[in-house]
Amino acid sequence: MKTNCRSNFSEFSKDVAGPSISQWAIVKRKTVEKTLMTYARRWFRRHQLRNALSNIKMDVELVEKDIGLAKGSLYQEAYKPFWQE
């Protein structure tokens, strides 16, 4: 009795095949969306914090001295672009 190896392999590959390409695309898209949202939230929070720092209405040098920061460090932090840590 002769068996067809090709048909046996195709039956085997159906059983062990992983997710389809469309399923991988959905997973990849969700991962990219999650990553982009994480960055967007992080950048928005930095923008808010730096905007608040730039609007301080008290003596900045006194505040820096009081909390132990180098002179001008609050100014540097306030005017950094939002994408920089």
N, C-alpha and C. Protein backbone atom coordinates (compact mmCIF):
# COMPACT_ATOMS: atom_id res chain seq x y z
N MET A 1 0.85 -1.17 0.00
CA MET A 1 0.00 0.00 0.00
C MET A 1 0.89 1.24 0.00
N LYS A 2 0.65 2.07 -0.95
CA LYS A 2 1.46 3.26 -1.13
C LYS A 2 0.73 4.47 -0.52
N THR A 3 1.45 5.26 0.29
CA THR A 3 0.83 6.47 0.84
C THR A 3 1.43 7.68 0.17
N ASN A 4 0.64 8.66 0.07
CA ASN A 4 1.09 9.89 -0.56
C ASN A 4 1.67 10.80 0.53
N CYS A 5 2.98 11.00 0.52
CA CYS A 5 3.64 11.82 1.55
C CYS A 5 3.14 13.25 1.53
N ARG A 6 2.89 13.75 0.36
CA ARG A 6 2.44 15.14 0.24
C ARG A 6 1.10 15.34 0.94
N SER A 7 0.18 14.45 0.77
CA SER A 7 -1.13 14.61 1.42
C SER A 7 -1.01 14.43 2.93
N ASN A 8 -0.14 13.51 3.37
CA ASN A 8 0.07 13.34 4.81
C ASN A 8 0.66 14.61 5.44
N PHE A 9 1.60 15.23 4.74
CA PHE A 9 2.20 16.46 5.27
C PHE A 9 1.18 17.59 5.33
N SER A 10 0.35 17.70 4.31
CA SER A 10 -0.63 18.79 4.32
C SER A 10 -1.64 18.60 5.44
N GLU A 11 -2.00 17.38 5.73
CA GLU A 11 -2.90 17.12 6.85
C GLU A 11 -2.23 17.48 8.17
N PHE A 12 -0.95 17.11 8.29
CA PHE A 12 -0.20 17.43 9.51
C PHE A 12 -0.06 18.94 9.69
N SER A 13 0.25 19.64 8.61
CA SER A 13 0.47 21.08 8.71
C SER A 13 -0.81 21.83 9.08
N LYS A 14 -1.95 21.29 8.72
CA LYS A 14 -3.22 21.92 9.12
C LYS A 14 -3.40 21.85 10.63
N ASP A 15 -2.97 20.73 11.21
CA ASP A 15 -3.15 20.53 12.64
C ASP A 15 -2.22 21.40 13.49
N VAL A 16 -1.01 21.64 13.02
CA VAL A 16 -0.04 22.37 13.84
C VAL A 16 0.16 23.81 13.39
N ALA A 17 -0.60 24.24 12.42
CA ALA A 17 -0.44 25.61 11.93
C ALA A 17 -0.81 26.59 13.04
N GLY A 18 -0.06 27.66 13.12
CA GLY A 18 -0.31 28.69 14.12
C GLY A 18 -1.40 29.64 13.66
N PRO A 19 -1.45 30.79 14.26
CA PRO A 19 -2.45 31.78 13.88
C PRO A 19 -2.27 32.20 12.42
N SER A 20 -3.37 32.57 11.82
CA SER A 20 -3.30 33.01 10.43
C SER A 20 -2.63 34.38 10.35
N ILE A 21 -2.31 34.78 9.16
CA ILE A 21 -1.65 36.08 8.96
C ILE A 21 -2.53 37.21 9.46
N SER A 22 -3.83 37.12 9.24
CA SER A 22 -4.72 38.19 9.70
C SER A 22 -4.75 38.28 11.23
N GLN A 23 -4.64 37.13 11.90
CA GLN A 23 -4.59 37.15 13.37
C GLN A 23 -3.29 37.80 13.85
N TRP A 24 -2.18 37.50 13.18
CA TRP A 24 -0.91 38.14 13.54
C TRP A 24 -0.98 39.64 13.30
N ALA A 25 -1.64 40.05 12.22
CA ALA A 25 -1.76 41.48 11.92
C ALA A 25 -2.56 42.18 13.01
N ILE A 26 -3.59 41.54 13.50
CA ILE A 26 -4.39 42.14 14.58
C ILE A 26 -3.56 42.28 15.85
N VAL A 27 -2.81 41.25 16.19
CA VAL A 27 -1.95 41.28 17.39
C VAL A 27 -0.92 42.39 17.25
N LYS A 28 -0.29 42.46 16.07
CA LYS A 28 0.74 43.47 15.83
C LYS A 28 0.14 44.87 15.91
N ARG A 29 -1.04 45.07 15.31
CA ARG A 29 -1.69 46.37 15.35
C ARG A 29 -2.01 46.79 16.78
N LYS A 30 -2.51 45.85 17.58
CA LYS A 30 -2.84 46.16 18.98
C LYS A 30 -1.58 46.52 19.76
N THR A 31 -0.49 45.82 19.50
CA THR A 31 0.78 46.12 20.17
C THR A 31 1.27 47.51 19.80
N VAL A 32 1.18 47.85 18.54
CA VAL A 32 1.61 49.18 18.08
C VAL A 32 0.71 50.26 18.68
N GLU A 33 -0.59 50.03 18.69
CA GLU A 33 -1.52 50.99 19.28
C GLU A 33 -1.23 51.21 20.76
N LYS A 34 -0.98 50.12 21.48
CA LYS A 34 -0.69 50.22 22.92
C LYS A 34 0.60 51.01 23.16
N THR A 35 1.62 50.74 22.35
CA THR A 35 2.89 51.45 22.47
C THR A 35 2.72 52.93 22.18
N LEU A 36 1.99 53.25 21.12
CA LEU A 36 1.76 54.65 20.77
C LEU A 36 0.98 55.38 21.86
N MET A 37 -0.01 54.73 22.43
CA MET A 37 -0.78 55.35 23.51
C MET A 37 0.09 55.57 24.74
N THR A 38 0.98 54.64 25.03
CA THR A 38 1.89 54.79 26.16
C THR A 38 2.77 56.02 25.97
N TYR A 39 3.35 56.15 24.77
CA TYR A 39 4.18 57.31 24.48
C TYR A 39 3.37 58.61 24.51
N ALA A 40 2.17 58.58 23.97
CA ALA A 40 1.34 59.78 23.96
C ALA A 40 1.02 60.25 25.37
N ARG A 41 0.65 59.30 26.24
CA ARG A 41 0.37 59.68 27.64
C ARG A 41 1.61 60.21 28.32
N ARG A 42 2.75 59.58 28.13
CA ARG A 42 4.01 60.00 28.75
C ARG A 42 4.38 61.41 28.28
N TRP A 43 4.28 61.64 26.98
CA TRP A 43 4.66 62.93 26.42
C TRP A 43 3.70 64.03 26.88
N PHE A 44 2.40 63.71 26.96
CA PHE A 44 1.42 64.70 27.42
C PHE A 44 1.70 65.07 28.87
N ARG A 45 2.01 64.07 29.70
CA ARG A 45 2.31 64.34 31.11
C ARG A 45 3.56 65.21 31.25
N ARG A 46 4.59 64.91 30.46
CA ARG A 46 5.80 65.75 30.49
C ARG A 46 5.49 67.18 30.07
N HIS A 47 4.66 67.32 29.05
CA HIS A 47 4.27 68.66 28.59
C HIS A 47 3.57 69.42 29.70
N GLN A 48 2.64 68.74 30.39
CA GLN A 48 1.93 69.39 31.50
C GLN A 48 2.88 69.81 32.61
N LEU A 49 3.78 68.91 33.00
CA LEU A 49 4.71 69.22 34.09
C LEU A 49 5.65 70.36 33.72
N ARG A 50 6.16 70.33 32.51
CA ARG A 50 7.09 71.38 32.09
C ARG A 50 6.39 72.71 31.90
N ASN A 51 5.15 72.66 31.47
CA ASN A 51 4.37 73.89 31.35
C ASN A 51 4.13 74.49 32.74
N ALA A 52 3.82 73.63 33.71
CA ALA A 52 3.63 74.11 35.08
C ALA A 52 4.93 74.70 35.64
N LEU A 53 6.06 74.07 35.34
CA LEU A 53 7.35 74.61 35.80
C LEU A 53 7.64 75.97 35.19
N SER A 54 7.29 76.13 33.92
CA SER A 54 7.57 77.42 33.27
C SER A 54 6.67 78.53 33.77
N ASN A 55 5.56 78.19 34.43
CA ASN A 55 4.63 79.20 34.93
C ASN A 55 4.77 79.48 36.42
N ILE A 56 5.87 79.04 37.02
CA ILE A 56 6.09 79.32 38.45
C ILE A 56 6.23 80.83 38.63
N LYS A 57 5.48 81.36 39.59
CA LYS A 57 5.47 82.81 39.81
C LYS A 57 6.29 83.25 41.03
N MET A 58 7.11 82.37 41.57
CA MET A 58 7.92 82.75 42.72
C MET A 58 9.39 82.80 42.33
N ASP A 59 10.22 83.13 43.26
CA ASP A 59 11.65 83.22 43.01
C ASP A 59 12.23 81.83 42.75
N VAL A 60 12.53 81.56 41.50
CA VAL A 60 12.98 80.23 41.09
C VAL A 60 14.32 79.88 41.73
N GLU A 61 15.20 80.84 41.84
CA GLU A 61 16.50 80.57 42.46
C GLU A 61 16.34 80.14 43.91
N LEU A 62 15.41 80.76 44.61
CA LEU A 62 15.15 80.41 46.00
C LEU A 62 14.56 78.99 46.10
N VAL A 63 13.66 78.67 45.19
CA VAL A 63 13.06 77.33 45.17
C VAL A 63 14.13 76.27 44.89
N GLU A 64 14.99 76.53 43.91
CA GLU A 64 16.06 75.58 43.59
C GLU A 64 16.99 75.38 44.78
N LYS A 65 17.34 76.47 45.43
CA LYS A 65 18.23 76.38 46.59
C LYS A 65 17.54 75.61 47.72
N ASP A 66 16.24 75.86 47.91
CA ASP A 66 15.49 75.23 48.98
C ASP A 66 15.39 73.72 48.80
N ILE A 67 15.21 73.26 47.57
CA ILE A 67 15.07 71.81 47.35
C ILE A 67 16.38 71.15 46.93
N GLY A 68 17.46 71.90 46.90
CA GLY A 68 18.78 71.33 46.66
C GLY A 68 19.12 71.07 45.21
N LEU A 69 18.59 71.87 44.30
CA LEU A 69 18.91 71.72 42.88
C LEU A 69 19.95 72.74 42.46
N ALA A 70 20.66 72.43 41.40
CA ALA A 70 21.64 73.37 40.86
C ALA A 70 20.91 74.58 40.26
N LYS A 71 21.59 75.73 40.29
CA LYS A 71 21.00 76.95 39.76
C LYS A 71 20.71 76.79 38.26
N GLY A 72 19.50 77.09 37.86
CA GLY A 72 19.10 77.01 36.46
C GLY A 72 18.54 75.67 36.03
N SER A 73 18.51 74.68 36.94
CA SER A 73 18.04 73.36 36.54
C SER A 73 16.53 73.33 36.29
N LEU A 74 15.75 74.11 37.03
CA LEU A 74 14.31 74.16 36.77
C LEU A 74 14.03 74.81 35.41
N TYR A 75 14.79 75.83 35.08
CA TYR A 75 14.64 76.48 33.78
C TYR A 75 14.96 75.49 32.66
N GLN A 76 16.05 74.75 32.81
CA GLN A 76 16.43 73.75 31.80
C GLN A 76 15.35 72.69 31.64
N GLU A 77 14.81 72.23 32.74
CA GLU A 77 13.76 71.20 32.68
C GLU A 77 12.48 71.76 32.06
N ALA A 78 12.13 72.98 32.40
CA ALA A 78 10.89 73.57 31.90
C ALA A 78 10.90 73.77 30.39
N TYR A 79 12.05 74.01 29.81
CA TYR A 79 12.12 74.32 28.39
C TYR A 79 12.69 73.18 27.53
N LYS A 80 12.76 71.99 28.11
CA LYS A 80 13.15 70.81 27.32
C LYS A 80 11.97 70.39 26.47
N PRO A 81 12.22 69.87 25.28
CA PRO A 81 11.12 69.33 24.47
C PRO A 81 10.45 68.15 25.18
N PHE A 82 9.17 67.95 24.92
CA PHE A 82 8.41 66.93 25.65
C PHE A 82 8.90 65.50 25.38
N TRP A 83 9.56 65.27 24.28
CA TRP A 83 10.01 63.90 23.97
C TRP A 83 11.32 63.54 24.64
N GLN A 84 11.98 64.49 25.27
CA GLN A 84 13.22 64.20 25.98
C GLN A 84 12.94 63.93 27.44
N GLU A 85 13.68 62.95 27.98
CA GLU A 85 13.51 62.63 29.40
C GLU A 85 14.27 63.61 30.25
